[in-house]
Amino acid sequence: MADEAWQKGQKKREELFGVEGGGRLDVIQKFDDGFAKILNNVCFGDVWSRPGLPIKTRSMLTMASLIALGRFSQLKGHMKGALHVGVTEDEIKEVIIHLSQYAGIPFAVEAIRVFNEVKEGK
């Protein structure tokens, strides 16, 4: 059963981040294998795999949450994932602009910096 849960999470991560990006939990596994399993199996295998929202919507919600919380290092990976699942650059821009009014201008400016790095391939 654990292998099935791992595969389900792995599949969703690969759908979001691509085969190369989706298979990378090494840093977290080196820190703690149990936590890596929780992240993979619960976050991606259960929550991201629920049928109620399309992956593009989940991706935009995740970016909005990360902007509002000021989690810009994780935002970068999720912006790359968003582009991978078909969220357009214009949609990402609109998420940032919309969040500027709810999370604040400084968070939006930082999100713009991250967005520019993603566009430049950094």
Protein backbone atom coordinates (compact mmCIF):
# COMPACT_ATOMS: atom_id res chain seq x y z
CA MET A 1 0.00 0.00 0.00
CA ALA A 2 2.80 2.45 0.81
CA ASP A 3 4.31 1.88 -2.62
CA GLU A 4 0.96 2.71 -4.25
CA ALA A 5 0.70 5.94 -2.23
CA TRP A 6 4.26 6.88 -3.18
CA GLN A 7 3.60 6.20 -6.87
CA LYS A 8 0.42 8.29 -6.82
CA GLY A 9 2.28 11.27 -5.31
CA GLN A 10 5.23 10.79 -7.66
CA LYS A 11 2.91 10.77 -10.66
CA LYS A 12 1.24 14.02 -9.58
CA ARG A 13 4.60 15.71 -8.91
CA GLU A 14 5.79 14.66 -12.36
CA GLU A 15 2.57 16.01 -13.91
CA LEU A 16 3.16 19.35 -12.21
CA PHE A 17 6.94 19.73 -12.38
CA GLY A 18 7.89 17.41 -15.25
CA VAL A 19 9.68 14.08 -15.03
CA GLU A 20 13.01 15.61 -14.03
CA GLY A 21 11.59 18.11 -11.55
CA GLY A 22 8.90 15.79 -10.23
CA GLY A 23 11.26 13.09 -9.18
CA ARG A 24 13.37 15.32 -6.95
CA LEU A 25 12.72 14.94 -3.26
CA ASP A 26 16.36 14.13 -2.49
CA VAL A 27 17.01 17.15 -0.26
CA ILE A 28 13.95 16.41 1.85
CA GLN A 29 14.69 12.67 1.92
CA LYS A 30 18.23 13.39 3.15
CA PHE A 31 16.75 15.53 5.89
CA ASP A 32 14.09 12.99 6.88
CA ASP A 33 12.65 10.15 4.81
CA GLY A 34 9.41 10.09 6.81
CA PHE A 35 8.75 13.76 6.09
CA ALA A 36 9.46 13.17 2.39
CA LYS A 37 6.82 10.43 2.43
CA ILE A 38 4.28 12.76 4.06
CA LEU A 39 4.97 15.48 1.51
CA ASN A 40 4.78 13.09 -1.43
CA ASN A 41 1.93 10.85 -0.28
CA VAL A 42 -0.34 13.36 1.44
CA CYS A 43 0.33 16.71 -0.23
CA PHE A 44 0.69 15.44 -3.80
CA GLY A 45 -0.84 11.95 -3.64
CA ASP A 46 -3.95 12.96 -1.71
CA VAL A 47 -4.53 16.74 -1.81
CA TRP A 48 -3.16 17.63 -5.26
CA SER A 49 -4.80 14.50 -6.70
CA ARG A 50 -8.34 15.28 -5.53
CA PRO A 51 -10.82 15.55 -8.41
CA GLY A 52 -12.53 18.82 -7.35
CA LEU A 53 -10.12 21.29 -8.99
CA PRO A 54 -8.03 21.11 -12.15
CA ILE A 55 -4.26 21.11 -11.69
CA LYS A 56 -3.96 24.59 -13.26
CA THR A 57 -6.34 26.00 -10.64
CA ARG A 58 -4.47 24.27 -7.82
CA SER A 59 -1.24 25.65 -9.22
CA MET A 60 -2.55 29.23 -9.26
CA LEU A 61 -3.94 28.85 -5.73
CA THR A 62 -0.58 27.57 -4.55
CA MET A 63 1.26 30.49 -6.13
CA ALA A 64 -1.21 32.93 -4.52
CA SER A 65 -0.71 31.32 -1.12
CA LEU A 66 3.06 31.36 -1.41
CA ILE A 67 3.03 35.04 -2.42
CA ALA A 68 0.74 35.95 0.48
CA LEU A 69 2.94 34.03 2.91
CA GLY A 70 6.18 35.44 1.48
CA ARG A 71 7.56 32.01 0.60
CA PHE A 72 9.47 33.11 -2.48
CA SER A 73 12.00 30.28 -2.73
CA GLN A 74 9.13 27.81 -3.06
CA LEU A 75 7.22 30.19 -5.32
CA LYS A 76 9.94 29.86 -7.95
CA GLY A 77 9.48 26.09 -8.26
CA HIS A 78 5.71 26.43 -8.33
CA MET A 79 5.89 29.11 -11.03
CA LYS A 80 7.93 26.70 -13.13
CA GLY A 81 5.35 24.00 -12.41
CA ALA A 82 2.51 26.35 -13.32
CA LEU A 83 4.03 27.06 -16.70
CA HIS A 84 4.56 23.31 -17.17
CA VAL A 85 0.84 22.58 -16.67
CA GLY A 86 -0.30 25.35 -19.00
CA VAL A 87 -0.73 28.41 -16.80
CA THR A 88 0.24 31.30 -19.06
CA GLU A 89 2.69 34.07 -18.21
CA ASP A 90 -0.23 36.51 -18.40
CA GLU A 91 -2.18 34.43 -15.87
CA ILE A 92 0.81 34.44 -13.50
CA LYS A 93 1.06 38.21 -13.92
CA GLU A 94 -2.63 38.55 -13.02
CA VAL A 95 -2.18 36.37 -9.92
CA ILE A 96 0.66 38.67 -8.80
CA ILE A 97 -1.27 41.87 -9.54
CA HIS A 98 -4.40 40.55 -7.83
CA LEU A 99 -2.42 39.48 -4.75
CA SER A 100 -0.77 42.90 -4.53
CA GLN A 101 -4.05 44.23 -3.17
CA TYR A 102 -4.49 41.48 -0.59
CA ALA A 103 -0.94 40.54 0.42
CA GLY A 104 0.71 43.90 -0.19
CA ILE A 105 2.85 45.65 -2.76
CA PRO A 106 6.20 44.47 -1.30
CA PHE A 107 5.14 40.83 -1.67
CA ALA A 108 3.99 41.51 -5.24
CA VAL A 109 7.29 43.19 -6.10
CA GLU A 110 9.20 40.20 -4.74
CA ALA A 111 6.94 37.85 -6.73
CA ILE A 112 7.71 39.89 -9.86
CA ARG A 113 11.43 39.40 -9.18
CA VAL A 114 10.89 35.63 -8.90
CA PHE A 115 8.75 35.63 -12.06
CA ASN A 116 11.51 37.42 -13.99
CA GLU A 117 14.06 34.85 -12.80
CA VAL A 118 11.81 32.02 -13.97
CA LYS A 119 11.33 33.69 -17.37
CA GLU A 120 15.10 34.13 -17.69
CA GLY A 121 15.67 30.49 -16.82
CA LYS A 122 17.61 31.15 -13.61
